[in-house]
Amino acid sequence: MMDTAWIWLLDRRAGRPEAPLPSDAEARDRIELLRPFAEAEGRFVLAHLGQSIDGHIATGCGQSQYVTGPCNLDHLHRLRALADAVLVGAGTVAHDDPRLTTRRVDGPNPVRVVLDPGRRLDAGHGLFTDGAAPTLLLCSADRAGKPAGGAEIIGLDDPCPAAVLDALAARGLRRVMIEGGGTTVSRFLAAGVLDRLHVAVAPLIIGSGKGGLRLPEIAHLDQALRPPCRTYLMGSDVLFDFDLRGAAGAA
């Protein structure tokens, strides 16, 4: 059964009249965390990463299921349900073959978007063939001729983050979640196009493997991003909610 906070948030996503806020503190915390995304009317881009305490999102061979626990997985699926589109890079599809659906929560599936500029992926991955939700594959314009199952191919002269978001907005997809992997999230963060960043940190020590965020090198800490942040417990994980619209410094 859906909880009162989730019912309230789905109503806000659908633009239905605002019901009274739930009275319990846990429900209000969840609403506070998700409300900016649920109520966004123009372009709003949120990224999510789950990582170990030592900053890794996967092992060296790319195995990442699951770094974070079930509470954060529920949160991830709620973000999908609130999004118009969920975007991943080719590496995430190659290693995880994700479905990018909302099967852990009640709510609509988003449009699935795969960013694969060089067309490194074959057409056999599940999200190109399962028909569970509309799927777009964005690539360089000179690689757009090859089909990918049931996915719509969109060729871009320059598949940079800003151009990707413009192409999605042209299709009415303005509320976008960047789900992974670390390279893709880092590119969108470095481009300055993220409004919000969720980083879930698990009490797990991997010790090696694929790192999370990687930005251009800086010389001084006063050049680092210091965005406003709130933290939320999600089972044994801690979620950091960064408001990048209020960030100081530069990447």
Protein backbone atom coordinates (compact mmCIF):
# COMPACT_ATOMS: atom_id res chain seq x y z
CA MET A 1 0.00 0.00 0.00
CA MET A 2 1.27 3.48 -0.83
CA ASP A 3 2.23 5.69 2.10
CA THR A 4 0.69 9.12 2.56
CA ALA A 5 3.88 10.97 1.58
CA TRP A 6 4.14 9.12 -1.72
CA ILE A 7 0.46 9.70 -2.55
CA TRP A 8 0.98 13.41 -1.85
CA LEU A 9 4.08 13.56 -4.08
CA LEU A 10 2.43 11.72 -6.98
CA ASP A 11 -0.45 14.19 -6.78
CA ARG A 12 2.01 17.08 -7.00
CA ARG A 13 3.77 15.48 -9.98
CA ALA A 14 0.42 15.15 -11.75
CA GLY A 15 -0.50 18.77 -10.96
CA ARG A 16 -3.53 17.79 -8.91
CA PRO A 17 -4.78 20.19 -6.20
CA GLU A 18 -2.58 20.19 -3.14
CA ALA A 19 -3.86 18.02 -0.29
CA PRO A 20 -2.94 18.78 3.33
CA LEU A 21 0.59 17.72 4.22
CA PRO A 22 0.82 14.46 6.17
CA SER A 23 1.30 15.09 9.87
CA ASP A 24 4.03 12.59 10.80
CA ALA A 25 7.67 13.68 10.74
CA GLU A 26 8.93 10.81 8.56
CA ALA A 27 6.42 11.59 5.83
CA ARG A 28 7.28 15.29 5.94
CA ASP A 29 11.01 14.47 5.63
CA ARG A 30 10.37 12.41 2.51
CA ILE A 31 8.24 15.17 1.02
CA GLU A 32 10.92 17.75 1.80
CA LEU A 33 13.52 15.61 0.02
CA LEU A 34 11.47 14.92 -3.11
CA ARG A 35 9.24 17.98 -3.36
CA PRO A 36 11.61 20.14 -5.47
CA PHE A 37 11.70 17.44 -8.14
CA ALA A 38 8.00 16.57 -7.90
CA GLU A 39 6.88 20.20 -8.26
CA ALA A 40 9.35 21.35 -10.91
CA GLU A 41 7.53 23.06 -13.76
CA GLY A 42 10.40 24.08 -16.06
CA ARG A 43 13.64 22.23 -16.69
CA PHE A 44 14.93 20.49 -13.58
CA VAL A 45 17.83 18.06 -13.65
CA LEU A 46 18.64 15.80 -10.71
CA ALA A 47 21.47 13.26 -10.56
CA HIS A 48 21.81 10.29 -8.23
CA LEU A 49 24.83 8.16 -7.32
CA GLY A 50 25.16 5.34 -4.80
CA GLN A 51 28.67 4.73 -3.51
CA SER A 52 30.70 3.03 -0.80
CA ILE A 53 32.18 4.97 2.11
CA ASP A 54 35.51 4.97 0.25
CA GLY A 55 34.01 6.55 -2.87
CA HIS A 56 33.49 3.60 -5.21
CA ILE A 57 30.33 2.90 -7.20
CA ALA A 58 31.36 -0.55 -8.51
CA THR A 59 34.13 -3.11 -8.49
CA GLY A 60 36.90 -2.97 -11.07
CA CYS A 61 34.95 -5.18 -13.47
CA GLY A 62 31.87 -2.96 -13.12
CA GLN A 63 29.72 -5.04 -10.72
CA SER A 64 27.55 -2.59 -8.76
CA GLN A 65 24.40 -4.50 -7.73
CA TYR A 66 23.94 -3.47 -5.07
CA VAL A 67 26.24 -0.96 -3.38
CA THR A 68 23.40 0.71 -1.48
CA GLY A 69 20.59 -0.98 0.42
CA PRO A 70 16.88 -1.49 -0.25
CA CYS A 71 15.77 1.84 1.24
CA ASN A 72 17.93 3.75 -1.22
CA LEU A 73 16.75 1.52 -4.07
CA ASP A 74 13.17 2.48 -3.18
CA HIS A 75 14.26 6.14 -3.24
CA LEU A 76 15.84 5.64 -6.67
CA HIS A 77 12.62 4.17 -8.05
CA ARG A 78 10.61 7.06 -6.57
CA LEU A 79 12.89 9.48 -8.41
CA ARG A 80 12.24 7.56 -11.63
CA ALA A 81 8.48 7.80 -11.06
CA LEU A 82 8.72 11.57 -10.58
CA ALA A 83 10.92 12.08 -13.66
CA ASP A 84 9.86 12.68 -17.25
CA ALA A 85 13.05 10.93 -18.35
CA VAL A 86 15.84 8.93 -16.70
CA LEU A 87 19.24 9.01 -18.40
CA VAL A 88 22.20 6.66 -18.17
CA GLY A 89 25.46 6.35 -20.04
CA ALA A 90 26.53 3.48 -22.25
CA GLY A 91 28.81 2.05 -19.55
CA THR A 92 25.91 1.58 -17.13
CA VAL A 93 23.91 -0.26 -19.78
CA ALA A 94 26.90 -2.41 -20.74
CA HIS A 95 27.64 -3.50 -17.15
CA ASP A 96 24.19 -3.56 -15.49
CA ASP A 97 21.65 -3.93 -18.33
CA PRO A 98 19.21 -1.88 -16.19
CA ARG A 99 15.46 -1.81 -16.80
CA LEU A 100 15.03 1.77 -15.47
CA THR A 101 11.40 1.13 -14.52
CA THR A 102 9.46 1.86 -11.34
CA ARG A 103 8.77 -1.73 -10.30
CA ARG A 104 9.60 -1.11 -6.60
CA VAL A 105 7.02 1.68 -6.21
CA ASP A 106 3.63 2.73 -7.55
CA GLY A 107 4.01 5.38 -10.22
CA PRO A 108 4.59 5.85 -13.97
CA ASN A 109 7.68 4.64 -15.80
CA PRO A 110 9.80 7.48 -17.22
CA VAL A 111 11.09 7.70 -20.75
CA ARG A 112 14.41 5.84 -20.73
CA VAL A 113 17.36 7.65 -22.30
CA VAL A 114 20.73 6.10 -23.15
CA LEU A 115 23.65 8.39 -23.97
CA ASP A 116 25.94 6.47 -26.31
CA PRO A 117 27.77 8.97 -28.55
CA GLY A 118 30.01 6.38 -30.24
CA ARG A 119 27.37 3.59 -30.48
CA ARG A 120 29.37 1.12 -28.40
CA LEU A 121 26.22 -0.79 -27.36
CA ASP A 122 24.60 -3.58 -29.35
CA ALA A 123 20.85 -3.86 -29.78
CA GLY A 124 20.45 -6.87 -27.49
CA HIS A 125 20.19 -5.03 -24.17
CA GLY A 126 16.87 -5.40 -22.41
CA LEU A 127 15.81 -1.77 -22.38
CA PHE A 128 16.07 -1.71 -26.21
CA THR A 129 13.82 -4.76 -26.59
CA ASP A 130 11.48 -5.18 -23.60
CA GLY A 131 8.92 -2.53 -24.57
CA ALA A 132 8.42 -1.61 -20.90
CA ALA A 133 8.74 2.14 -21.53
CA PRO A 134 9.60 4.49 -24.41
CA THR A 135 13.35 4.47 -24.97
CA LEU A 136 15.62 7.00 -26.68
CA LEU A 137 19.23 6.47 -27.73
CA LEU A 138 21.23 9.69 -28.13
CA CYS A 139 24.41 9.51 -30.16
CA SER A 140 26.64 11.51 -32.48
CA ALA A 141 24.84 12.48 -35.68
CA ASP A 142 27.23 10.42 -37.83
CA ARG A 143 26.34 7.26 -35.85
CA ALA A 144 22.55 7.63 -35.98
CA GLY A 145 21.89 5.34 -38.94
CA LYS A 146 22.15 2.02 -37.08
CA PRO A 147 18.96 0.82 -35.31
CA ALA A 148 18.86 -0.30 -31.65
CA GLY A 149 15.86 -2.58 -31.18
CA GLY A 150 12.75 -0.56 -30.40
CA ALA A 151 14.63 2.55 -29.28
CA GLU A 152 14.24 5.86 -31.10
CA ILE A 153 17.63 7.07 -32.32
CA ILE A 154 18.43 10.78 -31.95
CA GLY A 155 21.62 12.06 -33.55
CA LEU A 156 23.26 15.18 -32.16
CA ASP A 157 26.04 17.21 -33.76
CA ASP A 158 27.59 17.64 -30.31
CA PRO A 159 26.15 15.27 -27.66
CA CYS A 160 27.31 17.46 -24.76
CA PRO A 161 25.14 17.73 -21.61
CA ALA A 162 23.48 21.01 -22.62
CA ALA A 163 22.62 19.71 -26.10
CA VAL A 164 21.26 16.48 -24.63
CA LEU A 165 18.96 18.38 -22.29
CA ASP A 166 17.83 20.66 -25.12
CA ALA A 167 16.94 17.62 -27.24
CA LEU A 168 14.93 16.11 -24.38
CA ALA A 169 13.17 19.41 -23.62
CA ALA A 170 12.15 19.65 -27.28
CA ARG A 171 10.22 16.41 -26.69
CA GLY A 172 8.58 17.75 -23.53
CA LEU A 173 11.00 15.90 -21.24
CA ARG A 174 12.05 18.64 -18.82
CA ARG A 175 12.21 16.84 -15.48
CA VAL A 176 15.30 14.67 -15.99
CA MET A 177 17.12 12.29 -13.67
CA ILE A 178 20.73 11.38 -14.46
CA GLU A 179 21.12 7.94 -12.90
CA GLY A 180 24.62 6.94 -13.85
CA GLY A 181 27.23 6.04 -14.05
CA GLY A 182 29.92 8.10 -12.40
CA THR A 183 31.39 9.40 -15.65
CA THR A 184 28.01 10.56 -16.95
CA VAL A 185 26.98 12.22 -13.68
CA SER A 186 30.39 13.89 -13.47
CA ARG A 187 30.05 15.32 -16.99
CA PHE A 188 26.65 16.83 -16.23
CA LEU A 189 27.93 18.22 -12.92
CA ALA A 190 31.05 19.72 -14.53
CA ALA A 191 28.86 21.30 -17.23
CA GLY A 192 26.89 23.16 -14.56
CA VAL A 193 23.50 21.84 -15.70
CA LEU A 194 22.43 19.99 -12.53
CA ASP A 195 19.92 21.51 -10.15
CA ARG A 196 20.18 18.79 -7.52
CA LEU A 197 22.59 15.98 -6.67
CA HIS A 198 21.77 12.99 -4.46
CA VAL A 199 24.73 10.93 -3.25
CA ALA A 200 23.88 7.86 -1.18
CA VAL A 201 26.81 6.58 0.89
CA ALA A 202 26.72 2.98 2.08
CA PRO A 203 28.69 1.59 5.06
CA LEU A 204 30.69 -0.56 2.67
CA ILE A 205 34.43 -0.63 1.99
CA ILE A 206 35.25 -1.83 -1.52
CA GLY A 207 38.88 -0.71 -1.47
CA SER A 208 39.29 -0.53 -5.24
CA GLY A 209 37.20 -0.29 -8.37
CA LYS A 210 35.26 2.38 -10.22
CA GLY A 211 35.15 5.80 -8.58
CA GLY A 212 32.16 8.08 -8.30
CA LEU A 213 32.42 11.79 -9.06
CA ARG A 214 35.45 12.98 -11.02
CA LEU A 215 35.78 16.68 -11.89
CA PRO A 216 38.54 18.80 -13.44
CA GLU A 217 41.50 19.28 -11.11
CA ILE A 218 41.55 22.36 -8.88
CA ALA A 219 44.51 23.97 -7.12
CA HIS A 220 42.81 25.42 -4.05
CA LEU A 221 39.93 24.28 -1.87
CA ASP A 222 38.21 27.63 -2.28
CA GLN A 223 37.55 26.51 -5.89
CA ALA A 224 35.64 23.45 -4.69
CA LEU A 225 31.87 23.22 -4.89
CA ARG A 226 30.26 23.84 -1.50
CA PRO A 227 26.54 23.57 -2.18
CA PRO A 228 23.90 23.69 0.55
CA CYS A 229 23.28 20.16 1.75
CA ARG A 230 20.91 18.18 3.92
CA THR A 231 21.33 14.55 4.98
CA TYR A 232 18.74 11.80 5.31
CA LEU A 233 19.03 8.31 6.78
CA MET A 234 17.95 5.53 4.42
CA GLY A 235 18.28 2.30 6.35
CA SER A 236 22.01 1.90 6.91
CA ASP A 237 22.85 4.38 4.11
CA VAL A 238 23.15 8.17 4.37
CA LEU A 239 21.81 10.30 1.53
CA PHE A 240 23.39 13.70 0.86
CA ASP A 241 20.97 16.07 -0.90
CA PHE A 242 22.94 18.89 -2.57
CA ASP A 243 21.16 21.99 -3.87
CA LEU A 244 23.46 22.98 -6.72
CA ARG A 245 21.53 26.12 -7.56
CA GLY A 246 22.98 27.56 -4.35
CA ALA A 247 26.50 26.24 -4.87
CA ALA A 248 29.54 28.41 -4.28
CA GLY A 249 32.92 27.85 -5.91
CA ALA A 250 33.62 26.20 -9.23
CA ALA A 251 34.34 22.68 -10.37
